[in-house]
C-alpha cells in the first residue's frame, strides 16, 4: 500500500502555484469568493484533508476534518493510480458528497488534476 500524501504533494504544489497566479489575475476576485475550501479524502486505509485558504496556500492534513466543503470516498488503489497516471476511476467507483455549493463548483473545476 502506498501512502497518499507523498503522491499528493507534487499535485498540491502545482495547484498552489496555479491558484496563486489565478488569484492575482483578472478573475481573482471571483475565484476568491470560492475560498477557503476544505475537502476530506477517505479511503479504506487512510483519511486526509486538503485545505486551500483565501491567499492560495494549500495544505494537506493527515486526518479527515469532518464536514468542510466536501468529501470524497474512494478505494485507496483507485485514487493512488489516478494521482500517479491521471487515469480516471470508473464511474460509480467513488462517492463525492458536497456540503456547500462552493464545494460543488470547486470540485468540478479541480477534479482532473487528481485523476477523478
N, C-alpha and C. Protein backbone atom coordinates (compact mmCIF):
# COMPACT_ATOMS: atom_id res chain seq x y z
N UNK A 1 0.84 -1.19 0.00
CA UNK A 1 0.00 0.00 0.00
C UNK A 1 0.89 1.25 0.00
N UNK A 2 0.53 2.19 -0.81
CA UNK A 2 1.25 3.46 -0.93
C UNK A 2 0.51 4.52 -0.11
N UNK A 3 1.24 5.27 0.70
CA UNK A 3 0.65 6.39 1.42
C UNK A 3 0.31 7.48 0.41
N UNK A 4 -0.86 8.06 0.54
CA UNK A 4 -1.32 9.04 -0.44
C UNK A 4 -0.62 10.40 -0.35
N UNK A 5 -0.22 10.79 0.84
CA UNK A 5 0.35 12.14 0.99
C UNK A 5 1.53 12.40 0.07
N UNK A 6 2.53 11.49 -0.02
CA UNK A 6 3.64 11.77 -0.94
C UNK A 6 3.21 11.88 -2.40
N UNK A 7 2.16 11.15 -2.77
CA UNK A 7 1.65 11.26 -4.14
C UNK A 7 0.96 12.60 -4.37
N UNK A 8 0.28 13.08 -3.34
CA UNK A 8 -0.49 14.32 -3.47
C UNK A 8 0.38 15.58 -3.43
N UNK A 9 1.49 15.54 -2.71
CA UNK A 9 2.29 16.75 -2.51
C UNK A 9 2.65 17.44 -3.83
N UNK A 10 3.19 16.74 -4.85
CA UNK A 10 3.51 17.46 -6.09
C UNK A 10 2.28 18.08 -6.77
N UNK A 11 1.15 17.37 -6.74
CA UNK A 11 -0.09 17.91 -7.34
C UNK A 11 -0.56 19.13 -6.57
N UNK A 12 -0.49 19.05 -5.25
CA UNK A 12 -0.92 20.18 -4.42
C UNK A 12 -0.02 21.39 -4.66
N UNK A 13 1.28 21.19 -4.77
CA UNK A 13 2.20 22.31 -5.02
C UNK A 13 1.92 22.94 -6.38
N UNK A 14 1.67 22.12 -7.40
CA UNK A 14 1.30 22.66 -8.71
C UNK A 14 0.00 23.46 -8.61
N UNK A 15 -0.96 22.91 -7.89
CA UNK A 15 -2.24 23.58 -7.72
C UNK A 15 -2.09 24.90 -6.98
N UNK A 16 -1.20 24.93 -6.00
CA UNK A 16 -0.97 26.15 -5.24
C UNK A 16 -0.40 27.25 -6.13
N UNK A 17 0.55 26.91 -6.98
CA UNK A 17 1.13 27.89 -7.92
C UNK A 17 0.04 28.41 -8.86
N UNK A 18 -0.75 27.50 -9.42
CA UNK A 18 -1.83 27.90 -10.33
C UNK A 18 -2.86 28.76 -9.63
N UNK A 19 -3.22 28.38 -8.40
CA UNK A 19 -4.22 29.13 -7.65
C UNK A 19 -3.72 30.54 -7.34
N UNK A 20 -2.50 30.66 -6.88
CA UNK A 20 -1.95 31.99 -6.56
C UNK A 20 -1.86 32.86 -7.81
N UNK A 21 -1.47 32.28 -8.93
CA UNK A 21 -1.44 33.04 -10.19
C UNK A 21 -2.84 33.50 -10.57
N UNK A 22 -3.82 32.61 -10.44
CA UNK A 22 -5.19 32.96 -10.79
C UNK A 22 -5.75 34.04 -9.87
N UNK A 23 -5.40 33.98 -8.59
CA UNK A 23 -5.88 34.99 -7.64
C UNK A 23 -5.34 36.38 -7.98
N UNK A 24 -4.18 36.44 -8.61
CA UNK A 24 -3.60 37.72 -9.00
C UNK A 24 -4.09 38.22 -10.35
N UNK A 25 -4.86 37.41 -11.05
CA UNK A 25 -5.34 37.76 -12.38
C UNK A 25 -6.66 38.49 -12.37
N UNK A 26 -7.22 38.66 -13.55
CA UNK A 26 -8.47 39.40 -13.72
C UNK A 26 -9.65 38.79 -12.96
N UNK A 27 -9.68 37.48 -12.86
CA UNK A 27 -10.80 36.81 -12.20
C UNK A 27 -10.51 36.48 -10.74
N UNK A 28 -9.45 37.06 -10.20
CA UNK A 28 -9.05 36.77 -8.82
C UNK A 28 -10.13 37.01 -7.80
N UNK A 29 -10.88 38.09 -7.95
CA UNK A 29 -11.95 38.39 -7.00
C UNK A 29 -13.05 37.35 -7.02
N UNK A 30 -13.41 36.91 -8.21
CA UNK A 30 -14.43 35.87 -8.33
C UNK A 30 -13.92 34.56 -7.73
N UNK A 31 -12.71 34.20 -8.05
CA UNK A 31 -12.13 32.97 -7.53
C UNK A 31 -12.04 33.01 -6.01
N UNK A 32 -11.65 34.15 -5.47
CA UNK A 32 -11.51 34.30 -4.02
C UNK A 32 -12.83 34.03 -3.30
N UNK A 33 -13.96 34.27 -3.97
CA UNK A 33 -15.26 34.03 -3.33
C UNK A 33 -15.52 32.54 -3.08
N UNK A 34 -14.74 31.66 -3.72
CA UNK A 34 -14.88 30.22 -3.50
C UNK A 34 -13.91 29.71 -2.44
N UNK A 35 -13.12 30.58 -1.88
CA UNK A 35 -12.14 30.19 -0.87
C UNK A 35 -12.54 30.71 0.49
N UNK A 36 -12.17 30.07 1.56
CA UNK A 36 -11.38 28.85 1.62
C UNK A 36 -12.19 27.62 1.22
N UNK A 37 -11.47 26.57 0.89
CA UNK A 37 -12.05 25.26 0.57
C UNK A 37 -11.40 24.22 1.48
N UNK A 38 -12.22 23.32 2.01
CA UNK A 38 -11.73 22.21 2.82
C UNK A 38 -12.39 20.93 2.35
N UNK A 39 -11.57 19.97 1.94
CA UNK A 39 -12.05 18.69 1.42
C UNK A 39 -11.40 17.54 2.15
N UNK A 40 -12.20 16.56 2.54
CA UNK A 40 -11.67 15.32 3.12
C UNK A 40 -11.67 14.25 2.04
N UNK A 41 -10.61 13.45 2.04
CA UNK A 41 -10.50 12.29 1.16
C UNK A 41 -10.38 11.08 2.07
N UNK A 42 -11.30 10.14 1.91
CA UNK A 42 -11.36 8.98 2.79
C UNK A 42 -11.25 7.71 1.95
N UNK A 43 -10.27 6.87 2.28
CA UNK A 43 -10.13 5.56 1.66
C UNK A 43 -10.26 4.52 2.76
N UNK A 44 -10.19 3.25 2.39
CA UNK A 44 -10.27 2.20 3.40
C UNK A 44 -9.01 2.12 4.26
N UNK A 45 -7.93 2.83 3.86
CA UNK A 45 -6.67 2.77 4.60
C UNK A 45 -6.27 4.07 5.29
N UNK A 46 -6.74 5.19 4.79
CA UNK A 46 -6.33 6.46 5.39
C UNK A 46 -7.33 7.56 5.05
N UNK A 47 -7.20 8.65 5.79
CA UNK A 47 -8.04 9.82 5.55
C UNK A 47 -7.14 11.06 5.57
N UNK A 48 -7.40 11.96 4.64
CA UNK A 48 -6.63 13.20 4.52
C UNK A 48 -7.59 14.36 4.33
N UNK A 49 -7.12 15.53 4.65
CA UNK A 49 -7.87 16.75 4.34
C UNK A 49 -6.96 17.67 3.54
N UNK A 50 -7.52 18.23 2.49
CA UNK A 50 -6.81 19.24 1.70
C UNK A 50 -7.54 20.55 1.90
N UNK A 51 -6.78 21.58 2.28
CA UNK A 51 -7.39 22.87 2.58
C UNK A 51 -6.67 23.97 1.80
N UNK A 52 -7.46 24.80 1.12
CA UNK A 52 -6.93 25.96 0.40
C UNK A 52 -7.47 27.22 1.07
N UNK A 53 -6.58 28.14 1.43
CA UNK A 53 -7.04 29.37 2.08
C UNK A 53 -7.22 30.50 1.07
N UNK A 54 -7.67 31.64 1.54
CA UNK A 54 -8.00 32.76 0.66
C UNK A 54 -6.78 33.39 -0.02
N UNK A 55 -5.58 33.08 0.47
CA UNK A 55 -4.36 33.59 -0.16
C UNK A 55 -3.78 32.61 -1.17
N UNK A 56 -4.42 31.45 -1.31
CA UNK A 56 -3.96 30.46 -2.28
C UNK A 56 -3.01 29.42 -1.72
N UNK A 57 -2.79 29.45 -0.41
CA UNK A 57 -1.95 28.43 0.22
C UNK A 57 -2.76 27.15 0.37
N UNK A 58 -2.14 26.02 0.03
CA UNK A 58 -2.83 24.73 0.13
C UNK A 58 -2.02 23.83 1.04
N UNK A 59 -2.71 23.16 1.96
CA UNK A 59 -2.01 22.23 2.84
C UNK A 59 -2.76 20.91 2.92
N UNK A 60 -2.01 19.88 3.26
CA UNK A 60 -2.55 18.54 3.44
C UNK A 60 -2.44 18.20 4.92
N UNK A 61 -3.53 17.70 5.48
CA UNK A 61 -3.52 17.25 6.87
C UNK A 61 -3.83 15.75 6.89
N UNK A 62 -3.22 15.03 7.80
CA UNK A 62 -3.30 13.57 7.82
C UNK A 62 -4.53 13.03 8.55
N UNK A 63 -5.61 13.73 8.52
CA UNK A 63 -6.86 13.23 9.09
C UNK A 63 -8.02 13.90 8.40
N UNK A 64 -9.18 13.28 8.47
CA UNK A 64 -10.38 13.90 7.92
C UNK A 64 -10.85 14.96 8.90
N UNK A 65 -11.21 16.12 8.39
CA UNK A 65 -11.60 17.25 9.24
C UNK A 65 -13.10 17.32 9.50
N UNK A 66 -13.83 16.36 9.01
CA UNK A 66 -15.27 16.44 9.19
C UNK A 66 -15.90 17.23 8.06
N UNK A 67 -17.00 17.85 8.35
CA UNK A 67 -17.78 18.50 7.30
C UNK A 67 -17.18 19.85 6.92
N UNK A 68 -16.47 19.88 5.80
CA UNK A 68 -15.97 21.12 5.23
C UNK A 68 -16.83 21.45 4.02
N UNK A 69 -16.20 21.57 2.87
CA UNK A 69 -16.94 21.83 1.63
C UNK A 69 -17.33 20.56 0.91
N UNK A 70 -16.60 19.48 1.18
CA UNK A 70 -16.94 18.22 0.54
C UNK A 70 -16.09 17.08 1.03
N UNK A 71 -16.50 15.89 0.61
CA UNK A 71 -15.79 14.67 0.99
C UNK A 71 -15.78 13.72 -0.19
N UNK A 72 -14.65 13.08 -0.40
CA UNK A 72 -14.52 12.07 -1.44
C UNK A 72 -14.21 10.75 -0.76
N UNK A 73 -15.02 9.73 -1.03
CA UNK A 73 -14.77 8.37 -0.54
C UNK A 73 -14.44 7.53 -1.76
N UNK A 74 -13.24 6.92 -1.72
CA UNK A 74 -12.74 6.22 -2.89
C UNK A 74 -11.81 5.09 -2.45
N UNK A 75 -11.82 3.97 -3.15
CA UNK A 75 -10.85 2.93 -2.84
C UNK A 75 -9.42 3.47 -2.99
N UNK A 76 -8.59 3.10 -2.05
CA UNK A 76 -7.21 3.61 -1.98
C UNK A 76 -6.45 3.41 -3.28
N UNK A 77 -6.47 2.19 -3.81
CA UNK A 77 -5.69 1.89 -5.01
C UNK A 77 -6.17 2.67 -6.23
N UNK A 78 -7.48 2.90 -6.32
CA UNK A 78 -8.00 3.69 -7.44
C UNK A 78 -7.50 5.13 -7.38
N UNK A 79 -7.52 5.71 -6.19
CA UNK A 79 -7.05 7.09 -6.04
C UNK A 79 -5.55 7.17 -6.30
N UNK A 80 -4.79 6.26 -5.71
CA UNK A 80 -3.33 6.28 -5.92
C UNK A 80 -3.00 6.16 -7.41
N UNK A 81 -3.67 5.25 -8.10
CA UNK A 81 -3.43 5.09 -9.53
C UNK A 81 -3.83 6.35 -10.31
N UNK A 82 -4.95 6.94 -9.94
CA UNK A 82 -5.40 8.16 -10.61
C UNK A 82 -4.43 9.32 -10.44
N UNK A 83 -3.87 9.44 -9.24
CA UNK A 83 -2.91 10.51 -8.99
C UNK A 83 -1.63 10.26 -9.79
N UNK A 84 -1.17 9.01 -9.80
CA UNK A 84 0.08 8.68 -10.50
C UNK A 84 -0.04 8.79 -12.01
N UNK A 85 -1.14 8.31 -12.57
CA UNK A 85 -1.24 8.17 -14.03
C UNK A 85 -2.20 9.15 -14.68
N UNK A 86 -3.08 9.77 -13.90
CA UNK A 86 -4.11 10.63 -14.47
C UNK A 86 -5.30 9.86 -14.98
N UNK A 87 -5.29 8.52 -14.81
CA UNK A 87 -6.42 7.70 -15.26
C UNK A 87 -7.61 7.91 -14.33
N UNK A 88 -8.74 8.19 -14.92
CA UNK A 88 -9.95 8.38 -14.11
C UNK A 88 -10.51 7.05 -13.66
N UNK A 89 -10.97 6.97 -12.41
CA UNK A 89 -11.60 5.74 -11.95
C UNK A 89 -12.93 5.55 -12.66
N UNK A 90 -13.40 4.31 -12.76
CA UNK A 90 -14.68 4.06 -13.42
C UNK A 90 -15.82 4.81 -12.74
N UNK A 91 -16.79 5.21 -13.53
CA UNK A 91 -17.97 5.88 -12.99
C UNK A 91 -18.60 5.01 -11.91
N UNK A 92 -18.98 5.63 -10.82
CA UNK A 92 -19.62 4.91 -9.73
C UNK A 92 -18.66 4.25 -8.76
N UNK A 93 -17.35 4.35 -9.00
CA UNK A 93 -16.38 3.69 -8.12
C UNK A 93 -15.97 4.57 -6.94
N UNK A 94 -16.41 5.81 -6.93
CA UNK A 94 -16.13 6.70 -5.80
C UNK A 94 -17.36 7.55 -5.54
N UNK A 95 -17.43 8.08 -4.33
CA UNK A 95 -18.58 8.88 -3.93
C UNK A 95 -18.11 10.27 -3.52
N UNK A 96 -18.75 11.28 -4.07
CA UNK A 96 -18.46 12.66 -3.72
C UNK A 96 -19.68 13.23 -3.01
N UNK A 97 -19.46 13.80 -1.85
CA UNK A 97 -20.53 14.46 -1.11
C UNK A 97 -20.18 15.93 -1.00
N UNK A 98 -21.09 16.77 -1.45
CA UNK A 98 -20.89 18.22 -1.37
C UNK A 98 -21.62 18.73 -0.14
N UNK A 99 -20.93 19.50 0.67
CA UNK A 99 -21.55 20.09 1.84
C UNK A 99 -21.88 21.56 1.63
N UNK A 100 -21.29 22.17 0.59
CA UNK A 100 -21.57 23.57 0.27
C UNK A 100 -21.67 23.73 -1.25
N UNK A 101 -22.43 24.71 -1.73
CA UNK A 101 -22.48 24.97 -3.17
C UNK A 101 -21.10 25.31 -3.74
N UNK A 102 -20.29 26.05 -2.99
CA UNK A 102 -18.96 26.39 -3.49
C UNK A 102 -18.08 25.15 -3.59
N UNK A 103 -18.36 24.15 -2.77
CA UNK A 103 -17.63 22.89 -2.85
C UNK A 103 -17.90 22.16 -4.15
N UNK A 104 -19.16 22.16 -4.57
CA UNK A 104 -19.52 21.52 -5.84
C UNK A 104 -18.80 22.19 -7.01
N UNK A 105 -18.81 23.51 -7.04
CA UNK A 105 -18.16 24.25 -8.13
C UNK A 105 -16.66 23.98 -8.14
N UNK A 106 -16.04 24.02 -6.98
CA UNK A 106 -14.60 23.79 -6.90
C UNK A 106 -14.24 22.37 -7.35
N UNK A 107 -15.02 21.38 -6.96
CA UNK A 107 -14.73 20.00 -7.35
C UNK A 107 -14.79 19.85 -8.87
N UNK A 108 -15.79 20.41 -9.49
CA UNK A 108 -15.91 20.28 -10.94
C UNK A 108 -14.72 20.93 -11.66
N UNK A 109 -14.19 21.99 -11.08
CA UNK A 109 -13.05 22.68 -11.67
C UNK A 109 -11.74 21.93 -11.45
N UNK A 110 -11.59 21.31 -10.27
CA UNK A 110 -10.31 20.74 -9.87
C UNK A 110 -10.20 19.23 -9.97
N UNK A 111 -11.22 18.55 -10.42
CA UNK A 111 -11.21 17.09 -10.36
C UNK A 111 -10.14 16.43 -11.22
N UNK A 112 -9.88 16.92 -12.41
CA UNK A 112 -8.95 16.22 -13.30
C UNK A 112 -7.50 16.20 -12.82
N UNK A 113 -6.96 17.23 -12.15
CA UNK A 113 -5.58 17.10 -11.68
C UNK A 113 -5.37 15.96 -10.68
N UNK A 114 -6.46 15.53 -10.04
CA UNK A 114 -6.37 14.45 -9.07
C UNK A 114 -6.83 13.13 -9.65
N UNK A 115 -7.06 13.08 -10.94
CA UNK A 115 -7.42 11.83 -11.60
C UNK A 115 -8.85 11.41 -11.35
N UNK A 116 -9.75 12.35 -11.03
CA UNK A 116 -11.15 12.00 -10.74
C UNK A 116 -12.08 12.42 -11.87
